[in-house]
C-alpha atoms as a PDB file:
ATOM      1  CA  GLU A   1     272.834 249.346 152.440  1.00  0.00           C
ATOM      2  CA  ILE A   2     274.477 249.839 148.880  1.00  0.00           C
ATOM      3  CA  CYS A   3     271.400 248.002 146.820  1.00  0.00           C
ATOM      4  CA  ALA A   4     269.793 249.757 149.123  1.00  0.00           C
ATOM      5  CA  SER A   5     270.647 253.563 148.095  1.00  0.00           C
ATOM      6  CA  GLN A   6     270.744 252.179 144.670  1.00  0.00           C
ATOM      7  CA  ARG A   7     267.270 251.515 144.612  1.00  0.00           C
ATOM      8  CA  VAL A   8     266.223 254.304 146.334  1.00  0.00           C
ATOM      9  CA  MET A   9     267.791 256.743 143.298  1.00  0.00           C
ATOM     10  CA  LEU A  10     266.466 254.899 140.838  1.00  0.00           C
ATOM     11  CA  GLY A  11     263.301 255.745 142.272  1.00  0.00           C
ATOM     12  CA  ARG A  12     263.527 258.995 142.452  1.00  0.00           C
ATOM     13  CA  LYS A  13     264.770 259.498 138.678  1.00  0.00           C
ATOM     14  CA  GLY A  14     261.656 257.316 137.697  1.00  0.00           C
ATOM     15  CA  GLU A  15     263.739 254.572 137.142  1.00  0.00           C
ATOM     16  CA  ALA A  16     262.359 250.986 138.382  1.00  0.00           C
ATOM     17  CA  THR A  17     264.635 248.280 139.206  1.00  0.00           C
ATOM     18  CA  VAL A  18     263.906 245.334 137.295  1.00  0.00           C
ATOM     19  CA  SER A  19     265.672 243.044 139.448  1.00  0.00           C
ATOM     20  CA  GLY A  20     264.485 241.809 143.602  1.00  0.00           C
ATOM     21  CA  GLU A  21     266.425 242.475 146.210  1.00  0.00           C
ATOM     22  CA  GLU A  22     268.964 239.277 146.494  1.00  0.00           C
ATOM     23  CA  GLU A  23     269.811 239.321 142.787  1.00  0.00           C
ATOM     24  CA  MET A  24     270.430 243.474 142.639  1.00  0.00           C
ATOM     25  CA  SER A  25     272.781 241.519 145.756  1.00  0.00           C
ATOM     26  CA  ALA A  26     274.152 239.645 144.075  1.00  0.00           C
ATOM     27  CA  LEU A  27     274.851 241.567 141.019  1.00  0.00           C
ATOM     28  CA  TYR A  28     276.453 243.776 142.969  1.00  0.00           C
ATOM     29  CA  SER A  29     278.698 241.084 144.923  1.00  0.00           C
ATOM     30  CA  SER A  30     279.554 239.961 141.480  1.00  0.00           C
ATOM     31  CA  HIS A  31     280.926 243.019 140.161  1.00  0.00           C
ATOM     32  CA  LEU A  32     282.680 244.131 143.087  1.00  0.00           C
ATOM     33  CA  HIS A  33     285.183 240.973 143.061  1.00  0.00           C
ATOM     34  CA  GLU A  34     285.513 241.102 139.126  1.00  0.00           C
ATOM     35  CA  VAL A  35     286.128 245.046 140.162  1.00  0.00           C
ATOM     36  CA  GLU A  36     288.806 243.997 142.885  1.00  0.00           C
ATOM     37  CA  SER A  37     290.286 240.714 140.810  1.00  0.00           C
ATOM     38  CA  TRP A  38     290.872 243.550 138.462  1.00  0.00           C
ATOM     39  CA  LEU A  39     292.363 246.107 140.735  1.00  0.00           C
ATOM     40  CA  ALA A  40     294.650 243.255 142.600  1.00  0.00           C
ATOM     41  CA  GLN A  41     296.364 242.227 139.583  1.00  0.00           C
ATOM     42  CA  GLN A  42     297.727 246.102 138.050  1.00  0.00           C
ATOM     43  CA  GLN A  43     301.181 247.091 139.214  1.00  0.00           C
ATOM     44  CA  ASN A  44     300.706 250.242 138.769  1.00  0.00           C
ATOM     45  CA  MET A  45     297.984 251.620 141.204  1.00  0.00           C
ATOM     46  CA  ALA A  46     298.324 251.458 145.367  1.00  0.00           C
ATOM     47  CA  VAL A  47     294.488 250.716 146.801  1.00  0.00           C
ATOM     48  CA  LEU A  48     293.000 251.581 149.836  1.00  0.00           C
ATOM     49  CA  TYR A  49     290.355 249.591 150.922  1.00  0.00           C
ATOM     50  CA  MET A  50     288.566 250.994 153.919  1.00  0.00           C
ATOM     51  CA  ASP A  51     285.450 250.123 155.844  1.00  0.00           C
ATOM     52  CA  TYR A  52     282.558 252.746 154.360  1.00  0.00           C
ATOM     53  CA  ASN A  53     280.693 252.582 158.586  1.00  0.00           C
ATOM     54  CA  ASP A  54     284.213 252.797 159.906  1.00  0.00           C
ATOM     55  CA  LEU A  55     285.113 255.809 158.007  1.00  0.00           C
ATOM     56  CA  ILE A  56     282.042 257.551 158.772  1.00  0.00           C
ATOM     57  CA  GLU A  57     281.772 256.722 162.688  1.00  0.00           C
ATOM     58  CA  ASN A  58     285.464 257.438 163.119  1.00  0.00           C
ATOM     59  CA  TYR A  59     286.625 259.894 160.429  1.00  0.00           C
ATOM     60  CA  ASP A  60     289.051 261.802 162.495  1.00  0.00           C
ATOM     61  CA  ARG A  61     291.138 259.075 163.080  1.00  0.00           C
ATOM     62  CA  ASN A  62     290.025 257.434 158.994  1.00  0.00           C
ATOM     63  CA  THR A  63     291.325 260.643 157.485  1.00  0.00           C
ATOM     64  CA  GLU A  64     294.362 260.671 158.829  1.00  0.00           C
ATOM     65  CA  GLU A  65     294.841 257.089 157.254  1.00  0.00           C
ATOM     66  CA  ILE A  66     294.153 258.347 153.786  1.00  0.00           C
ATOM     67  CA  ASN A  67     296.114 260.850 154.631  1.00  0.00           C
ATOM     68  CA  ARG A  68     299.128 259.118 155.176  1.00  0.00           C
ATOM     69  CA  PHE A  69     298.182 257.012 152.451  1.00  0.00           C
ATOM     70  CA  PHE A  70     298.880 259.913 149.820  1.00  0.00           C
ATOM     71  CA  GLY A  71     302.053 260.938 151.071  1.00  0.00           C
ATOM     72  CA  GLY A  72     300.666 263.139 153.769  1.00  0.00           C
ATOM     73  CA  ARG A  73     300.099 266.101 151.489  1.00  0.00           C
ATOM     74  CA  LEU A  74     296.390 266.264 152.480  1.00  0.00           C
ATOM     75  CA  SER A  75     294.493 268.506 154.625  1.00  0.00           C
ATOM     76  CA  VAL A  76     292.916 266.705 157.185  1.00  0.00           C
ATOM     77  CA  HIS A  77     291.289 269.504 158.921  1.00  0.00           C
ATOM     78  CA  ARG A  78     289.122 270.179 155.091  1.00  0.00           C
ATOM     79  CA  MET A  79     288.492 266.114 155.059  1.00  0.00           C
ATOM     80  CA  GLU A  80     286.894 266.262 158.129  1.00  0.00           C
ATOM     81  CA  CYS A  81     284.718 269.248 157.668  1.00  0.00           C
ATOM     82  CA  ILE A  82     282.938 268.206 154.694  1.00  0.00           C
ATOM     83  CA  VAL A  83     281.584 264.495 156.519  1.00  0.00           C
ATOM     84  CA  ASP A  84     277.871 264.968 156.926  1.00  0.00           C
ATOM     85  CA  LYS A  85     276.637 261.909 158.963  1.00  0.00           C
ATOM     86  CA  SER A  86     273.343 262.939 157.831  1.00  0.00           C
ATOM     87  CA  LEU A  87     274.034 261.650 154.175  1.00  0.00           C
ATOM     88  CA  TYR A  88     274.176 258.121 155.559  1.00  0.00           C
ATOM     89  CA  ARG A  89     270.629 257.471 155.031  1.00  0.00           C
ATOM     90  CA  GLN A  90     270.082 253.733 154.158  1.00  0.00           C
ATOM     91  CA  ARG A  91     271.974 252.826 157.338  1.00  0.00           C
ATOM     92  CA  ARG A  92     271.528 249.424 158.408  1.00  0.00           C
ATOM     93  CA  ALA A  93     270.871 249.995 162.347  1.00  0.00           C
ATOM     94  CA  HIS A  94     271.835 247.439 164.963  1.00  0.00           C
ATOM     95  CA  ASP A  95     271.262 248.344 167.766  1.00  0.00           C
ATOM     96  CA  PRO A  96     267.494 247.143 168.899  1.00  0.00           C
ATOM     97  CA  ALA A  97     266.471 251.324 169.453  1.00  0.00           C
ATOM     98  CA  MET A  98     268.673 252.456 166.642  1.00  0.00           C
ATOM     99  CA  LEU A  99     267.217 249.650 163.682  1.00  0.00           C
ATOM    100  CA  HIS A 100     263.589 250.761 165.490  1.00  0.00           C
ATOM    101  CA  ARG A 101     264.515 254.577 164.666  1.00  0.00           C
ATOM    102  CA  ALA A 102     266.350 253.535 161.060  1.00  0.00           C
ATOM    103  CA  GLN A 103     262.859 251.110 160.288  1.00  0.00           C
ATOM    104  CA  GLY A 104     260.577 254.675 161.071  1.00  0.00           C
ATOM    105  CA  GLN A 105     262.888 256.135 158.783  1.00  0.00           C
ATOM    106  CA  GLN A 106     263.215 254.303 155.656  1.00  0.00           C
ATOM    107  CA  GLU A 107     259.086 253.688 156.435  1.00  0.00           C
ATOM    108  CA  LYS A 108     258.891 257.305 155.902  1.00  0.00           C
ATOM    109  CA  GLU A 109     261.602 257.877 152.902  1.00  0.00           C
ATOM    110  CA  SER A 110     260.318 254.584 151.248  1.00  0.00           C
ATOM    111  CA  SER A 111     256.241 256.762 151.009  1.00  0.00           C
ATOM    112  CA  ASP A 112     258.034 259.302 149.576  1.00  0.00           C
ATOM    113  CA  GLN A 113     259.582 257.271 147.457  1.00  0.00           C
ATOM    114  CA  ASP A 114     256.168 255.689 146.197  1.00  0.00           C
ATOM    115  CA  LYS A 115     254.511 259.625 146.563  1.00  0.00           C
ATOM    116  CA  GLU A 116     257.312 260.898 144.278  1.00  0.00           C
ATOM    117  CA  VAL A 117     257.837 257.443 141.758  1.00  0.00           C
ATOM    118  CA  ILE A 118     253.719 257.647 141.288  1.00  0.00           C
ATOM    119  CA  GLU A 119     253.311 261.689 140.851  1.00  0.00           C
ATOM    120  CA  ALA A 120     256.427 260.916 138.223  1.00  0.00           C
ATOM    121  CA  GLN A 121     254.092 258.869 136.149  1.00  0.00           C
ATOM    122  CA  LEU A 122     251.467 260.835 137.010  1.00  0.00           C
ATOM    123  CA  LYS A 123     252.985 263.989 134.646  1.00  0.00           C
ATOM    124  CA  ALA A 124     254.319 261.294 132.108  1.00  0.00           C
ATOM    125  CA  LEU A 125     250.818 260.133 131.181  1.00  0.00           C
ATOM    126  CA  GLY A 126     249.241 263.705 132.066  1.00  0.00           C
ATOM    127  CA  TYR A 127     247.395 263.673 134.789  1.00  0.00           C
ATOM    128  CA  MET A 128     249.019 266.406 136.312  1.00  0.00           C
END
């Protein structure tokens, strides 16, 4: 999901990715491992790991956990008010019905992104 999101973002900016899906995923995994290893060595930091999918789906429970992590000083209500599930666009669906809907949405987004990239390239070449 993260790699797909990055690919979309780069496409919108008119930047092509130089690596394939598998290579991009491997690079991301390697980087994530390095960051997690570095964090584990830091004695001056506390880290709260959360699953993004669970955070979005169960934000009421998770905002309470985040608040506890920060010593109960946060406004849980204000945190819950900003959760916007519609921004979770690169979701990998597991339910067959959701998968079908998600594939249709991804195809539309991909088509829209392709058009945006083509238009940006035509503008850069002076054709538009």
